[in-house]
Amino acid sequence: MGKHMTQSQDIEPSPEHDMIQENWTHLVRFLSKEDGRIHLGQVDAKWSDVGLALEEGSNVTANLVEGTVFDGVVTDRVMTISQVRENEKKIEKSTWRSRNAAPAEFIMLQLLSPLAPDEVPVIRCLGLNYRDHAREASMPIPDVPVLFIKPRTALNGPAPARITVPKIAQDGSSDYEAELSIVISKTGRDIPKEKAMDYVLGYTCSNDISARTQQFKNSQWCFSKASTIAFLSQGTTLERGTIIMTGTGPGIGAMRNPQLVLRDGDDMRVEIEQIGTLINKVLYE
């Protein structure tokens, strides 16, 4: 598939995962204002969209979660997601604002990807999982899920992390794919479809950044979450922490007329109802 990077923001738990639902309902991993350390936290229900709330300058707090993302328990201790303020003149490579905007205060929001790279064994991705996307690409709807894999080192985070476009993809072919991702809660093999949702920890927004020129040098869905998990675990082990990117809907830049390309300084957002908004700025190396 060429060059890809994965971003994710916060995890909305699977309604089918009763144990986790008792422990947290909206999980974030963040750098705290109070002690400067990385924590897991449960955000209050009033923060229906953490990404947008932070972007708007709100002081977002979270109840600390003790343990891991897989077994953590919500505590009464409250901390604030850190915001580091600097002057944009100090930012050498790229700024949050338009390149034509006047210098202003720069706010660095310390919201991180919900899982650290060492908690993710692999990122498994689906192609053509949305009928409308298959139609816009003039490709047949597959009979079984089409799989490609990315290493965990491709995992990126929300703002202040940027979508870094390497030189090889700065040819007018860099593209986005707004996707719902599934996080696996426990290791399983040959998982039957009727039990597949028991293996879901939660869901998160993600963005599958693609280098189309490189992608189209290689050959390359319409399946439910349960069907996908059952299929991907056939004859192989689906490890805890595995991220499954379920594919993009229609509207990717490469299929628009005129084409839409990720440019240096662009503001890129992925919004999923009841989960939130993943926000990143694009940075050309």
C-alpha atoms as a PDB file:
ATOM      1  CA  MET A   1       0.000   0.000   0.000  1.00  0.00           C
ATOM      2  CA  GLY A   2       2.973   2.393   0.068  1.00  0.00           C
ATOM      3  CA  LYS A   3       3.614   4.870   2.854  1.00  0.00           C
ATOM      4  CA  HIS A   4       1.109   4.953   5.710  1.00  0.00           C
ATOM      5  CA  MET A   5       0.816   6.487   9.156  1.00  0.00           C
ATOM      6  CA  THR A   6      -1.922   5.773  11.667  1.00  0.00           C
ATOM      7  CA  GLN A   7      -3.369   8.274  14.091  1.00  0.00           C
ATOM      8  CA  SER A   8      -5.819   7.747  16.906  1.00  0.00           C
ATOM      9  CA  GLN A   9      -7.249   9.900  19.654  1.00  0.00           C
ATOM     10  CA  ASP A  10      -9.357   8.395  22.404  1.00  0.00           C
ATOM     11  CA  ILE A  11     -11.137   5.062  22.775  1.00  0.00           C
ATOM     12  CA  GLU A  12     -14.886   4.626  23.039  1.00  0.00           C
ATOM     13  CA  PRO A  13     -15.484   1.238  24.722  1.00  0.00           C
ATOM     14  CA  SER A  14     -17.392  -1.523  23.019  1.00  0.00           C
ATOM     15  CA  PRO A  15     -20.916  -1.798  24.497  1.00  0.00           C
ATOM     16  CA  GLU A  16     -20.482  -5.563  24.343  1.00  0.00           C
ATOM     17  CA  HIS A  17     -17.423  -5.477  26.631  1.00  0.00           C
ATOM     18  CA  ASP A  18     -19.139  -5.446  30.051  1.00  0.00           C
ATOM     19  CA  MET A  19     -16.026  -5.620  32.236  1.00  0.00           C
ATOM     20  CA  ILE A  20     -14.399  -2.621  30.604  1.00  0.00           C
ATOM     21  CA  GLN A  21     -17.672  -0.700  30.527  1.00  0.00           C
ATOM     22  CA  GLU A  22     -17.764  -0.886  34.336  1.00  0.00           C
ATOM     23  CA  ASN A  23     -14.260   0.550  34.526  1.00  0.00           C
ATOM     24  CA  TRP A  24     -14.155   3.317  31.924  1.00  0.00           C
ATOM     25  CA  THR A  25     -16.403   4.731  29.262  1.00  0.00           C
ATOM     26  CA  HIS A  26     -14.154   7.218  27.433  1.00  0.00           C
ATOM     27  CA  LEU A  27     -10.424   6.620  27.821  1.00  0.00           C
ATOM     28  CA  VAL A  28      -7.570   9.015  27.047  1.00  0.00           C
ATOM     29  CA  ARG A  29      -3.805   8.815  27.458  1.00  0.00           C
ATOM     30  CA  PHE A  30      -2.259  12.175  28.237  1.00  0.00           C
ATOM     31  CA  LEU A  31       0.527  14.216  29.772  1.00  0.00           C
ATOM     32  CA  SER A  32      -0.808  15.823  32.941  1.00  0.00           C
ATOM     33  CA  LYS A  33      -0.455  19.481  33.854  1.00  0.00           C
ATOM     34  CA  GLU A  34       0.003  18.639  37.525  1.00  0.00           C
ATOM     35  CA  ASP A  35       3.007  16.280  37.447  1.00  0.00           C
ATOM     36  CA  GLY A  36       4.194  16.243  33.814  1.00  0.00           C
ATOM     37  CA  ARG A  37       3.786  12.457  33.595  1.00  0.00           C
ATOM     38  CA  ILE A  38       1.855  10.262  31.175  1.00  0.00           C
ATOM     39  CA  HIS A  39      -1.392   8.836  32.554  1.00  0.00           C
ATOM     40  CA  LEU A  40      -4.528   7.023  31.478  1.00  0.00           C
ATOM     41  CA  GLY A  41      -7.731   8.843  32.291  1.00  0.00           C
ATOM     42  CA  GLN A  42     -11.513   8.689  32.137  1.00  0.00           C
ATOM     43  CA  VAL A  43     -12.895  11.955  30.756  1.00  0.00           C
ATOM     44  CA  ASP A  44     -16.163  13.327  32.070  1.00  0.00           C
ATOM     45  CA  ALA A  45     -19.251  12.845  29.932  1.00  0.00           C
ATOM     46  CA  LYS A  46     -19.510  16.630  29.423  1.00  0.00           C
ATOM     47  CA  TRP A  47     -16.445  16.391  27.161  1.00  0.00           C
ATOM     48  CA  SER A  48     -18.288  14.676  24.322  1.00  0.00           C
ATOM     49  CA  ASP A  49     -15.449  15.531  21.915  1.00  0.00           C
ATOM     50  CA  VAL A  50     -12.072  15.821  23.658  1.00  0.00           C
ATOM     51  CA  GLY A  51     -10.172  16.729  20.500  1.00  0.00           C
ATOM     52  CA  LEU A  52     -12.395  19.720  19.733  1.00  0.00           C
ATOM     53  CA  ALA A  53     -12.573  20.790  23.390  1.00  0.00           C
ATOM     54  CA  LEU A  54      -8.770  20.977  23.598  1.00  0.00           C
ATOM     55  CA  GLU A  55      -8.542  22.709  20.235  1.00  0.00           C
ATOM     56  CA  GLU A  56     -10.925  25.379  21.567  1.00  0.00           C
ATOM     57  CA  GLY A  57      -8.735  25.930  24.644  1.00  0.00           C
ATOM     58  CA  SER A  58     -10.917  24.224  27.246  1.00  0.00           C
ATOM     59  CA  ASN A  59      -9.352  22.895  30.440  1.00  0.00           C
ATOM     60  CA  VAL A  60     -10.131  19.199  30.070  1.00  0.00           C
ATOM     61  CA  THR A  61      -9.807  17.056  33.192  1.00  0.00           C
ATOM     62  CA  ALA A  62      -9.799  13.291  33.620  1.00  0.00           C
ATOM     63  CA  ASN A  63     -10.133  10.816  36.464  1.00  0.00           C
ATOM     64  CA  LEU A  64      -6.935   8.801  36.582  1.00  0.00           C
ATOM     65  CA  VAL A  65      -7.153   5.158  35.547  1.00  0.00           C
ATOM     66  CA  GLU A  66      -4.946   2.762  37.497  1.00  0.00           C
ATOM     67  CA  GLY A  67      -3.614  -0.244  35.577  1.00  0.00           C
ATOM     68  CA  THR A  68      -3.361  -0.699  31.837  1.00  0.00           C
ATOM     69  CA  VAL A  69      -5.730   0.174  29.041  1.00  0.00           C
ATOM     70  CA  PHE A  70      -6.886  -3.466  29.208  1.00  0.00           C
ATOM     71  CA  ASP A  71      -7.599  -3.769  32.934  1.00  0.00           C
ATOM     72  CA  GLY A  72      -7.547  -0.211  34.293  1.00  0.00           C
ATOM     73  CA  VAL A  73      -9.840   0.963  37.079  1.00  0.00           C
ATOM     74  CA  VAL A  74     -11.138   4.529  37.336  1.00  0.00           C
ATOM     75  CA  THR A  75     -10.080   6.387  40.515  1.00  0.00           C
ATOM     76  CA  ASP A  76     -11.309   9.575  42.202  1.00  0.00           C
ATOM     77  CA  ARG A  77      -8.037  11.405  41.511  1.00  0.00           C
ATOM     78  CA  VAL A  78      -8.481  14.135  38.883  1.00  0.00           C
ATOM     79  CA  MET A  79      -5.785  15.637  36.651  1.00  0.00           C
ATOM     80  CA  THR A  80      -5.736  18.120  33.779  1.00  0.00           C
ATOM     81  CA  ILE A  81      -4.536  17.424  30.244  1.00  0.00           C
ATOM     82  CA  SER A  82      -1.451  19.613  29.876  1.00  0.00           C
ATOM     83  CA  GLN A  83      -1.335  22.597  27.543  1.00  0.00           C
ATOM     84  CA  VAL A  84       2.102  24.109  26.854  1.00  0.00           C
ATOM     85  CA  ARG A  85       1.993  27.668  25.514  1.00  0.00           C
ATOM     86  CA  GLU A  86       4.755  29.172  23.409  1.00  0.00           C
ATOM     87  CA  ASN A  87       5.150  31.971  20.912  1.00  0.00           C
ATOM     88  CA  GLU A  88       4.813  30.792  17.325  1.00  0.00           C
ATOM     89  CA  LYS A  89       8.037  32.628  16.443  1.00  0.00           C
ATOM     90  CA  LYS A  90       9.896  29.877  18.283  1.00  0.00           C
ATOM     91  CA  ILE A  91       8.471  27.185  16.014  1.00  0.00           C
ATOM     92  CA  GLU A  92      11.030  26.672  13.267  1.00  0.00           C
ATOM     93  CA  LYS A  93       9.544  23.994  11.018  1.00  0.00           C
ATOM     94  CA  SER A  94       5.786  24.463  11.003  1.00  0.00           C
ATOM     95  CA  THR A  95       3.045  26.194  12.966  1.00  0.00           C
ATOM     96  CA  TRP A  96      -0.491  25.344  13.917  1.00  0.00           C
ATOM     97  CA  ARG A  97      -1.871  28.277  12.020  1.00  0.00           C
ATOM     98  CA  SER A  98      -1.995  29.043   8.346  1.00  0.00           C
ATOM     99  CA  ARG A  99       1.390  29.883   6.912  1.00  0.00           C
ATOM    100  CA  ASN A 100       0.008  33.351   6.103  1.00  0.00           C
ATOM    101  CA  ALA A 101      -1.319  34.003   9.614  1.00  0.00           C
ATOM    102  CA  ALA A 102       0.280  36.554  11.917  1.00  0.00           C
ATOM    103  CA  PRO A 103       2.423  35.219  14.796  1.00  0.00           C
ATOM    104  CA  ALA A 104       0.329  34.301  17.821  1.00  0.00           C
ATOM    105  CA  GLU A 105       0.453  32.194  20.925  1.00  0.00           C
ATOM    106  CA  PHE A 106       1.157  28.540  20.171  1.00  0.00           C
ATOM    107  CA  ILE A 107      -0.687  25.963  22.279  1.00  0.00           C
ATOM    108  CA  MET A 108       0.729  22.453  22.506  1.00  0.00           C
ATOM    109  CA  LEU A 109      -1.913  19.985  23.671  1.00  0.00           C
ATOM    110  CA  GLN A 110      -0.523  16.887  25.324  1.00  0.00           C
ATOM    111  CA  LEU A 111      -3.145  14.352  24.260  1.00  0.00           C
ATOM    112  CA  LEU A 112      -1.549  11.079  23.154  1.00  0.00           C
ATOM    113  CA  SER A 113      -2.634   8.000  21.230  1.00  0.00           C
ATOM    114  CA  PRO A 114      -4.728   5.809  23.588  1.00  0.00           C
ATOM    115  CA  LEU A 115      -2.310   2.877  23.226  1.00  0.00           C
ATOM    116  CA  ALA A 116       1.465   3.231  23.315  1.00  0.00           C
ATOM    117  CA  PRO A 117       3.362   1.558  20.438  1.00  0.00           C
ATOM    118  CA  ASP A 118       4.694  -1.172  22.757  1.00  0.00           C
ATOM    119  CA  GLU A 119       1.095  -2.174  23.546  1.00  0.00           C
ATOM    120  CA  VAL A 120       0.240  -2.700  19.868  1.00  0.00           C
ATOM    121  CA  PRO A 121       1.560  -5.910  18.271  1.00  0.00           C
ATOM    122  CA  VAL A 122       0.419  -4.984  14.765  1.00  0.00           C
ATOM    123  CA  ILE A 123      -1.995  -2.780  12.830  1.00  0.00           C
ATOM    124  CA  ARG A 124      -4.243  -4.776  10.500  1.00  0.00           C
ATOM    125  CA  CYS A 125      -6.043  -2.818   7.820  1.00  0.00           C
ATOM    126  CA  LEU A 126      -8.978  -3.455   5.517  1.00  0.00           C
ATOM    127  CA  GLY A 127      -9.411  -2.109   2.009  1.00  0.00           C
ATOM    128  CA  LEU A 128     -12.668  -1.423   0.164  1.00  0.00           C
ATOM    129  CA  ASN A 129     -14.830  -2.153   3.215  1.00  0.00           C
ATOM    130  CA  TYR A 130     -17.331   0.577   2.277  1.00  0.00           C
ATOM    131  CA  ARG A 131     -19.518   0.031  -0.773  1.00  0.00           C
ATOM    132  CA  ASP A 132     -19.584   3.729  -1.710  1.00  0.00           C
ATOM    133  CA  HIS A 133     -15.778   3.902  -1.545  1.00  0.00           C
ATOM    134  CA  ALA A 134     -15.487   0.843  -3.798  1.00  0.00           C
ATOM    135  CA  ARG A 135     -17.854   2.493  -6.264  1.00  0.00           C
ATOM    136  CA  GLU A 136     -15.963   5.810  -6.297  1.00  0.00           C
ATOM    137  CA  ALA A 137     -12.756   3.862  -6.948  1.00  0.00           C
ATOM    138  CA  SER A 138     -14.484   1.880  -9.730  1.00  0.00           C
ATOM    139  CA  MET A 139     -13.475  -1.373  -8.053  1.00  0.00           C
ATOM    140  CA  PRO A 140     -15.583  -4.488  -7.456  1.00  0.00           C
ATOM    141  CA  ILE A 141     -16.877  -5.166  -3.946  1.00  0.00           C
ATOM    142  CA  PRO A 142     -14.767  -8.055  -2.570  1.00  0.00           C
ATOM    143  CA  ASP A 143     -16.277 -11.353  -1.446  1.00  0.00           C
ATOM    144  CA  VAL A 144     -13.969 -11.581   1.596  1.00  0.00           C
ATOM    145  CA  PRO A 145     -12.088  -8.876   3.541  1.00  0.00           C
ATOM    146  CA  VAL A 146      -8.913  -7.663   1.839  1.00  0.00           C
ATOM    147  CA  LEU A 147      -6.058  -7.328   4.307  1.00  0.00           C
ATOM    148  CA  PHE A 148      -2.842  -5.361   4.488  1.00  0.00           C
ATOM    149  CA  ILE A 149      -0.598  -4.865   7.500  1.00  0.00           C
ATOM    150  CA  LYS A 150       1.365  -1.962   8.936  1.00  0.00           C
ATOM    151  CA  PRO A 151       3.943  -2.145  11.741  1.00  0.00           C
ATOM    152  CA  ARG A 152       3.236  -0.649  15.146  1.00  0.00           C
ATOM    153  CA  THR A 153       5.940   1.937  14.451  1.00  0.00           C
ATOM    154  CA  ALA A 154       3.403   3.549  12.081  1.00  0.00           C
ATOM    155  CA  LEU A 155       1.286   4.545  15.098  1.00  0.00           C
ATOM    156  CA  ASN A 156       1.035   8.306  15.555  1.00  0.00           C
ATOM    157  CA  GLY A 157      -1.035  10.452  17.890  1.00  0.00           C
ATOM    158  CA  PRO A 158      -3.421  13.405  17.755  1.00  0.00           C
ATOM    159  CA  ALA A 159      -2.344  17.032  17.997  1.00  0.00           C
ATOM    160  CA  PRO A 160       0.316  18.179  18.761  1.00  0.00           C
ATOM    161  CA  ALA A 161       1.609  15.252  16.665  1.00  0.00           C
ATOM    162  CA  ARG A 162       1.737  16.186  12.988  1.00  0.00           C
ATOM    163  CA  ILE A 163       1.051  14.178   9.872  1.00  0.00           C
ATOM    164  CA  THR A 164       4.599  14.060   8.517  1.00  0.00           C
ATOM    165  CA  VAL A 165       4.686  13.596   4.753  1.00  0.00           C
ATOM    166  CA  PRO A 166       8.074  12.207   3.574  1.00  0.00           C
ATOM    167  CA  LYS A 167       9.747  13.562   0.450  1.00  0.00           C
ATOM    168  CA  ILE A 168       8.755  10.484  -1.559  1.00  0.00           C
ATOM    169  CA  ALA A 169       5.089  11.421  -1.077  1.00  0.00           C
ATOM    170  CA  GLN A 170       5.422  15.142  -1.770  1.00  0.00           C
ATOM    171  CA  ASP A 171       4.530  14.588  -5.420  1.00  0.00           C
ATOM    172  CA  GLY A 172       0.871  15.579  -5.165  1.00  0.00           C
ATOM    173  CA  SER A 173      -0.282  12.071  -4.228  1.00  0.00           C
ATOM    174  CA  SER A 174      -0.445  12.217  -0.410  1.00  0.00           C
ATOM    175  CA  ASP A 175      -3.988  11.397   0.714  1.00  0.00           C
ATOM    176  CA  TYR A 176      -6.121  10.775   3.788  1.00  0.00           C
ATOM    177  CA  GLU A 177      -8.540   8.032   4.801  1.00  0.00           C
ATOM    178  CA  ALA A 178     -10.836   8.737   7.750  1.00  0.00           C
ATOM    179  CA  GLU A 179     -11.535   5.428   9.460  1.00  0.00           C
ATOM    180  CA  LEU A 180     -13.088   3.767  12.490  1.00  0.00           C
ATOM    181  CA  SER A 181     -10.544   1.520  14.237  1.00  0.00           C
ATOM    182  CA  ILE A 182     -11.238  -1.449  16.513  1.00  0.00           C
ATOM    183  CA  VAL A 183      -8.907  -2.270  19.413  1.00  0.00           C
ATOM    184  CA  ILE A 184      -8.728  -5.939  20.429  1.00  0.00           C
ATOM    185  CA  SER A 185      -9.105  -6.625  24.171  1.00  0.00           C
ATOM    186  CA  LYS A 186      -7.761 -10.168  24.473  1.00  0.00           C
ATOM    187  CA  THR A 187      -5.800 -12.677  22.420  1.00  0.00           C
ATOM    188  CA  GLY A 188      -7.850 -15.166  20.402  1.00  0.00           C
ATOM    189  CA  ARG A 189      -7.647 -17.644  17.542  1.00  0.00           C
ATOM    190  CA  ASP A 190     -10.418 -18.986  15.300  1.00  0.00           C
ATOM    191  CA  ILE A 191     -12.896 -16.617  16.926  1.00  0.00           C
ATOM    192  CA  PRO A 192     -16.483 -17.452  15.933  1.00  0.00           C
ATOM    193  CA  LYS A 193     -18.535 -14.561  14.597  1.00  0.00           C
ATOM    194  CA  GLU A 194     -21.110 -14.874  17.398  1.00  0.00           C
ATOM    195  CA  LYS A 195     -18.378 -14.316  20.029  1.00  0.00           C
ATOM    196  CA  ALA A 196     -16.295 -11.758  18.113  1.00  0.00           C
ATOM    197  CA  MET A 197     -17.618  -8.708  19.960  1.00  0.00           C
ATOM    198  CA  ASP A 198     -16.368 -10.187  23.250  1.00  0.00           C
ATOM    199  CA  TYR A 199     -12.862  -9.466  21.924  1.00  0.00           C
ATOM    200  CA  VAL A 200     -13.458  -5.747  21.334  1.00  0.00           C
ATOM    201  CA  LEU A 201     -11.905  -3.334  23.835  1.00  0.00           C
ATOM    202  CA  GLY A 202     -13.223  -0.213  22.146  1.00  0.00           C
ATOM    203  CA  TYR A 203     -13.198   2.057  19.110  1.00  0.00           C
ATOM    204  CA  THR A 204     -11.227   5.129  18.085  1.00  0.00           C
ATOM    205  CA  CYS A 205     -10.900   7.645  15.241  1.00  0.00           C
ATOM    206  CA  SER A 206      -8.001   6.995  12.915  1.00  0.00           C
ATOM    207  CA  ASN A 207      -6.498   8.400   9.736  1.00  0.00           C
ATOM    208  CA  ASP A 208      -4.775   6.137   7.217  1.00  0.00           C
ATOM    209  CA  ILE A 209      -2.423   8.514   5.414  1.00  0.00           C
ATOM    210  CA  SER A 210      -1.463   7.150   1.997  1.00  0.00           C
ATOM    211  CA  ALA A 211       1.080   7.827  -0.730  1.00  0.00           C
ATOM    212  CA  ARG A 212      -1.079   7.039  -3.766  1.00  0.00           C
ATOM    213  CA  THR A 213       1.752   6.960  -6.294  1.00  0.00           C
ATOM    214  CA  GLN A 214       3.483   4.259  -4.286  1.00  0.00           C
ATOM    215  CA  GLN A 215       0.214   2.466  -3.510  1.00  0.00           C
ATOM    216  CA  PHE A 216      -0.862   2.173  -7.137  1.00  0.00           C
ATOM    217  CA  LYS A 217       2.416   0.478  -8.000  1.00  0.00           C
ATOM    218  CA  ASN A 218       1.010  -2.530  -6.127  1.00  0.00           C
ATOM    219  CA  SER A 219      -2.223  -4.493  -6.406  1.00  0.00           C
ATOM    220  CA  GLN A 220      -4.638  -4.212  -3.630  1.00  0.00           C
ATOM    221  CA  TRP A 221     -14.409  -3.940   2.036  1.00  0.00           C
ATOM    222  CA  CYS A 222     -18.329  -4.489   3.094  1.00  0.00           C
ATOM    223  CA  PHE A 223     -18.123  -6.521   6.288  1.00  0.00           C
ATOM    224  CA  SER A 224     -19.385  -6.121   9.853  1.00  0.00           C
ATOM    225  CA  LYS A 225     -17.062  -5.765  12.843  1.00  0.00           C
ATOM    226  CA  ALA A 226     -17.865  -9.302  13.996  1.00  0.00           C
ATOM    227  CA  SER A 227     -17.293 -10.761  10.535  1.00  0.00           C
ATOM    228  CA  THR A 228     -13.970  -8.926  10.274  1.00  0.00           C
ATOM    229  CA  ILE A 229     -12.684 -10.206  13.631  1.00  0.00           C
ATOM    230  CA  ALA A 230     -13.791 -13.762  12.865  1.00  0.00           C
ATOM    231  CA  PHE A 231     -12.142 -13.656   9.439  1.00  0.00           C
ATOM    232  CA  LEU A 232      -8.847 -12.154  10.644  1.00  0.00           C
ATOM    233  CA  SER A 233      -8.476 -14.785  13.396  1.00  0.00           C
ATOM    234  CA  GLN A 234      -8.999 -17.794  11.127  1.00  0.00           C
ATOM    235  CA  GLY A 235      -6.022 -20.100  11.568  1.00  0.00           C
ATOM    236  CA  THR A 236      -3.974 -17.355  13.214  1.00  0.00           C
ATOM    237  CA  THR A 237      -3.728 -15.589  16.544  1.00  0.00           C
ATOM    238  CA  LEU A 238      -5.228 -12.133  16.950  1.00  0.00           C
ATOM    239  CA  GLU A 239      -3.179 -10.629  19.782  1.00  0.00           C
ATOM    240  CA  ARG A 240      -4.424  -8.326  22.505  1.00  0.00           C
ATOM    241  CA  GLY A 241      -3.827  -4.705  21.548  1.00  0.00           C
ATOM    242  CA  THR A 242      -4.127  -5.362  17.819  1.00  0.00           C
ATOM    243  CA  ILE A 243      -5.619  -2.378  16.002  1.00  0.00           C
ATOM    244  CA  ILE A 244      -7.963  -3.123  13.117  1.00  0.00           C
ATOM    245  CA  MET A 245      -8.529  -0.226  10.742  1.00  0.00           C
ATOM    246  CA  THR A 246     -11.897  -0.916   9.147  1.00  0.00           C
ATOM    247  CA  GLY A 247     -11.406   1.028   5.924  1.00  0.00           C
ATOM    248  CA  THR A 248     -12.423   4.437   4.611  1.00  0.00           C
ATOM    249  CA  GLY A 249     -15.774   5.618   3.395  1.00  0.00           C
ATOM    250  CA  PRO A 250     -16.162   7.597   0.149  1.00  0.00           C
ATOM    251  CA  GLY A 251     -14.624  11.015  -0.358  1.00  0.00           C
ATOM    252  CA  ILE A 252     -10.873  10.367  -0.406  1.00  0.00           C
ATOM    253  CA  GLY A 253      -8.811  13.083  -2.057  1.00  0.00           C
ATOM    254  CA  ALA A 254      -7.552  10.947  -4.935  1.00  0.00           C
ATOM    255  CA  MET A 255     -11.095  10.345  -6.202  1.00  0.00           C
ATOM    256  CA  ARG A 256     -12.279  13.960  -6.058  1.00  0.00           C
ATOM    257  CA  ASN A 257     -12.472  16.251  -9.063  1.00  0.00           C
ATOM    258  CA  PRO A 258     -10.305  18.230  -8.781  1.00  0.00           C
ATOM    259  CA  GLN A 259      -8.132  15.996  -6.619  1.00  0.00           C
ATOM    260  CA  LEU A 260      -7.526  17.028  -3.015  1.00  0.00           C
ATOM    261  CA  VAL A 261      -3.947  16.554  -1.760  1.00  0.00           C
ATOM    262  CA  LEU A 262      -2.503  16.948   1.731  1.00  0.00           C
ATOM    263  CA  ARG A 263      -0.373  20.103   1.684  1.00  0.00           C
ATOM    264  CA  ASP A 264       2.180  21.387   4.181  1.00  0.00           C
ATOM    265  CA  GLY A 265       0.339  23.274   6.941  1.00  0.00           C
ATOM    266  CA  ASP A 266      -3.093  21.759   6.225  1.00  0.00           C
ATOM    267  CA  ASP A 267      -5.475  21.155   9.121  1.00  0.00           C
ATOM    268  CA  MET A 268      -6.698  17.534   8.951  1.00  0.00           C
ATOM    269  CA  ARG A 269      -9.647  16.311  11.029  1.00  0.00           C
ATOM    270  CA  VAL A 270     -11.415  12.957  11.368  1.00  0.00           C
ATOM    271  CA  GLU A 271     -14.732  13.056  13.212  1.00  0.00           C
ATOM    272  CA  ILE A 272     -16.741   9.997  14.265  1.00  0.00           C
ATOM    273  CA  GLU A 273     -20.067  10.417  16.027  1.00  0.00           C
ATOM    274  CA  GLN A 274     -19.978   9.459  19.739  1.00  0.00           C
ATOM    275  CA  ILE A 275     -16.178   9.047  19.650  1.00  0.00           C
ATOM    276  CA  GLY A 276     -14.720  12.466  18.879  1.00  0.00           C
ATOM    277  CA  THR A 277     -12.464  14.371  16.511  1.00  0.00           C
ATOM    278  CA  LEU A 278      -8.884  13.496  15.611  1.00  0.00           C
ATOM    279  CA  ILE A 279      -6.982  16.686  14.749  1.00  0.00           C
ATOM    280  CA  ASN A 280      -3.542  16.931  13.126  1.00  0.00           C
ATOM    281  CA  LYS A 281      -1.527  19.436  11.145  1.00  0.00           C
ATOM    282  CA  VAL A 282       0.324  18.291   8.023  1.00  0.00           C
ATOM    283  CA  LEU A 283       4.102  18.764   7.969  1.00  0.00           C
ATOM    284  CA  TYR A 284       6.269  18.283   4.884  1.00  0.00           C
ATOM    285  CA  GLU A 285       9.739  17.036   5.833  1.00  0.00           C
END
